[in-house]
Amino acid sequence: MSRTFSPERLDVRAFAEDGAQLAGELPLSRLARLASEARDGVADALVRWSAAGELRNPGHVQPQVWLRLQGDALLTMTCQRCLEAMEVPLAVDRAFRFVADEQTAAAEDEEADEDVLAINRSFDLLELLEDELLMEVPLVPRHAQCPADVPLSVQDPDFEEAGQPENPFARLAQLRNGGGEPS
């Protein structure tokens, strides 16, 4: 008997028992938290994903329920050095082991090499995908080499200092030395 599985309400145990697989593409806008990381107005990218369930030690009294999740997206962000648009590739490929409850998951997650989650009959696979992709977003996106030179005040003697606030201590020194308005 072949069961139908939905990524938004996935019965993880049944998915693993069937050795089932799911795959798809969705617009970045469906993953609101991830889309909010994109450059303003650029959230039309596609997120590709796939998942495979596996039951390890099926003859054992307590077989292990596993899920492998893969996904990728190309996120347009703002380079924090030159403030130009840049494309940031995000990719995940992780295996998760599912256990009976949250308490067991918390206890075993500390010791295990893999990620341990509590089993759920209506697990949101796309939310997990979004969480994993969010962890791949760089804290400070920057080009390896910006497309144009970025003027820096430390390196460039021609860097304009107009608009820089006046140093209050320089002004005080001028007043103490009997000077009027600064030159």
Protein backbone atom coordinates (compact mmCIF):
# COMPACT_ATOMS: atom_id res chain seq x y z
CA MET A 1 0.00 0.00 0.00
CA SER A 2 1.45 3.33 -1.05
CA ARG A 3 0.68 6.29 1.18
CA THR A 4 0.59 9.91 0.16
CA PHE A 5 2.68 12.34 2.20
CA SER A 6 2.43 16.11 2.55
CA PRO A 7 5.50 18.16 3.54
CA GLU A 8 3.35 20.52 5.65
CA ARG A 9 1.84 17.68 7.74
CA LEU A 10 4.29 14.80 7.50
CA ASP A 11 3.76 11.62 9.51
CA VAL A 12 7.48 11.03 10.04
CA ARG A 13 7.21 7.45 11.30
CA ALA A 14 5.03 6.33 8.36
CA PHE A 15 7.31 8.24 5.97
CA ALA A 16 10.34 6.35 7.32
CA GLU A 17 8.53 2.99 7.41
CA ASP A 18 7.70 3.37 3.71
CA GLY A 19 11.22 4.54 2.85
CA ALA A 20 9.40 7.35 1.09
CA GLN A 21 10.85 10.35 -0.68
CA LEU A 22 9.50 13.82 -1.35
CA ALA A 23 10.95 16.62 -3.44
CA GLY A 24 9.83 19.95 -4.74
CA GLU A 25 10.40 23.60 -5.47
CA LEU A 26 8.70 26.53 -3.86
CA PRO A 27 9.02 30.29 -4.15
CA LEU A 28 11.18 31.93 -1.52
CA SER A 29 8.20 34.08 -0.54
CA ARG A 30 6.56 30.93 0.98
CA LEU A 31 9.35 30.88 3.58
CA ALA A 32 8.66 34.30 5.13
CA ARG A 33 11.53 34.34 7.63
CA LEU A 34 14.07 33.41 4.99
CA ALA A 35 12.56 35.82 2.45
CA SER A 36 12.97 38.66 4.99
CA GLU A 37 16.75 38.13 4.76
CA ALA A 38 16.70 38.86 1.02
CA ARG A 39 17.45 42.28 -0.41
CA ASP A 40 14.33 44.49 -0.48
CA GLY A 41 11.94 43.40 -3.17
CA VAL A 42 14.05 40.43 -4.28
CA ALA A 43 12.25 37.40 -2.93
CA ASP A 44 11.27 35.67 -6.16
CA ALA A 45 13.96 32.98 -6.03
CA LEU A 46 13.13 29.29 -5.92
CA VAL A 47 13.97 26.97 -3.05
CA ARG A 48 14.60 23.38 -4.11
CA TRP A 49 14.36 20.59 -1.56
CA SER A 50 14.16 16.84 -1.13
CA ALA A 51 13.59 14.53 1.81
CA ALA A 52 13.99 10.79 2.30
CA GLY A 53 12.78 8.67 5.18
CA GLU A 54 14.52 5.59 6.48
CA LEU A 55 13.79 3.06 9.20
CA ARG A 56 17.06 1.69 10.60
CA ASN A 57 17.07 -1.66 12.43
CA PRO A 58 13.50 -2.43 11.30
CA GLY A 59 13.43 -5.80 13.08
CA HIS A 60 14.47 -4.29 16.41
CA VAL A 61 12.00 -3.59 19.22
CA GLN A 62 12.60 0.15 18.79
CA PRO A 63 13.72 0.84 15.22
CA GLN A 64 15.32 4.21 14.53
CA VAL A 65 13.37 6.73 12.45
CA TRP A 66 15.63 8.84 10.23
CA LEU A 67 14.99 11.67 7.80
CA ARG A 68 17.51 13.13 5.38
CA LEU A 69 16.79 16.68 4.25
CA GLN A 70 18.50 18.47 1.38
CA GLY A 71 17.75 21.94 0.12
CA ASP A 72 19.25 24.91 -1.66
CA ALA A 73 18.41 28.47 -2.59
CA LEU A 74 20.12 31.49 -4.09
CA LEU A 75 19.45 34.48 -1.86
CA THR A 76 20.06 38.03 -3.10
CA MET A 77 21.48 40.10 -0.24
CA THR A 78 23.29 43.41 0.24
CA CYS A 79 27.08 43.33 0.55
CA GLN A 80 27.96 45.11 3.77
CA ARG A 81 31.21 46.42 2.31
CA CYS A 82 30.10 48.00 -0.99
CA LEU A 83 26.29 48.00 -0.43
CA GLU A 84 25.70 46.39 -3.83
CA ALA A 85 23.55 43.33 -4.49
CA MET A 86 25.19 39.95 -4.21
CA GLU A 87 23.96 36.41 -4.57
CA VAL A 88 24.51 34.10 -1.62
CA PRO A 89 24.11 30.37 -2.29
CA LEU A 90 22.55 28.47 0.62
CA ALA A 91 22.64 24.69 0.85
CA VAL A 92 21.74 22.13 3.49
CA ASP A 93 22.22 18.38 3.63
CA ARG A 94 21.39 17.01 7.07
CA ALA A 95 20.22 13.80 8.66
CA PHE A 96 17.80 13.82 11.60
CA ARG A 97 16.98 11.00 13.98
CA PHE A 98 13.55 11.04 15.55
CA VAL A 99 12.78 9.86 19.08
CA ALA A 100 9.58 9.43 21.09
CA ASP A 101 9.35 12.82 22.86
CA GLU A 102 10.93 16.24 23.47
CA GLN A 103 12.57 15.19 26.75
CA THR A 104 14.34 12.25 25.10
CA ALA A 105 15.31 14.43 22.13
CA ALA A 106 16.86 17.07 24.41
CA ALA A 107 18.79 14.45 26.40
CA GLU A 108 20.10 12.55 23.36
CA ASP A 109 20.85 15.62 21.23
CA GLU A 110 23.68 16.64 23.58
CA GLU A 111 25.53 13.35 23.05
CA ALA A 112 24.62 12.48 19.46
CA ASP A 113 26.53 13.52 16.35
CA GLU A 114 23.28 13.81 14.40
CA ASP A 115 20.39 16.15 15.13
CA VAL A 116 17.71 14.53 17.29
CA LEU A 117 14.08 15.65 17.08
CA ALA A 118 10.84 14.51 18.66
CA ILE A 119 8.61 12.46 16.42
CA ASN A 120 5.36 14.04 15.35
CA ARG A 121 2.49 12.78 13.22
CA SER A 122 2.00 16.20 11.62
CA PHE A 123 5.58 17.44 11.28
CA ASP A 124 6.15 20.56 9.14
CA LEU A 125 9.04 19.61 6.89
CA LEU A 126 9.08 23.01 5.16
CA GLU A 127 9.50 24.77 8.51
CA LEU A 128 12.50 22.54 9.25
CA LEU A 129 13.89 23.36 5.80
CA GLU A 130 13.49 27.08 6.49
CA ASP A 131 15.20 26.74 9.89
CA GLU A 132 18.14 24.92 8.36
CA LEU A 133 18.53 27.41 5.49
CA LEU A 134 18.35 30.33 7.95
CA MET A 135 21.31 28.86 9.82
CA GLU A 136 23.29 29.04 6.56
CA VAL A 137 22.67 32.78 6.02
CA PRO A 138 25.90 34.71 6.67
CA LEU A 139 25.79 37.19 9.55
CA VAL A 140 27.62 39.80 7.48
CA PRO A 141 27.28 39.15 3.75
CA ARG A 142 30.26 40.43 1.78
CA HIS A 143 31.69 39.85 -1.66
CA ALA A 144 35.02 38.03 -1.64
CA GLN A 145 36.09 40.85 -3.97
CA CYS A 146 33.70 43.78 -4.38
CA PRO A 147 32.96 44.71 -8.03
CA ALA A 148 34.14 48.29 -7.44
CA ASP A 149 36.76 49.74 -5.13
CA VAL A 150 35.28 50.93 -1.87
CA PRO A 151 36.86 54.14 -0.52
CA LEU A 152 37.99 53.73 3.07
CA SER A 153 39.02 56.65 5.28
CA VAL A 154 41.99 54.74 6.68
CA GLN A 155 43.43 53.84 3.28
CA ASP A 156 42.35 56.65 0.96
CA PRO A 157 43.79 60.13 1.53
CA ASP A 158 41.13 61.57 -0.82
CA PHE A 159 38.28 60.22 1.32
CA GLU A 160 35.88 63.07 2.01
CA GLU A 161 35.44 63.91 5.63
CA ALA A 162 32.53 66.24 4.92
CA GLY A 163 29.59 65.22 6.94
CA GLN A 164 31.84 63.89 9.68
CA PRO A 165 30.92 65.41 13.06
CA GLU A 166 33.40 67.86 14.52
CA ASN A 167 35.58 66.53 17.30
CA PRO A 168 34.32 68.29 20.47
CA PHE A 169 37.76 68.13 22.08
CA ALA A 170 39.38 69.91 19.11
CA ARG A 171 36.82 72.69 19.46
CA LEU A 172 37.50 72.92 23.22
CA ALA A 173 41.26 73.16 22.60
CA GLN A 174 40.70 76.07 20.20
CA LEU A 175 38.62 77.91 22.78
CA ARG A 176 41.20 77.36 25.52
CA ASN A 177 43.97 78.72 23.31
CA GLY A 178 42.06 81.95 22.82
CA GLY A 179 40.90 81.07 19.37
CA GLY A 180 37.47 82.06 18.20
CA GLU A 181 35.64 80.09 15.59
CA PRO A 182 37.50 77.10 14.19
CA SER A 183 39.04 77.50 10.79
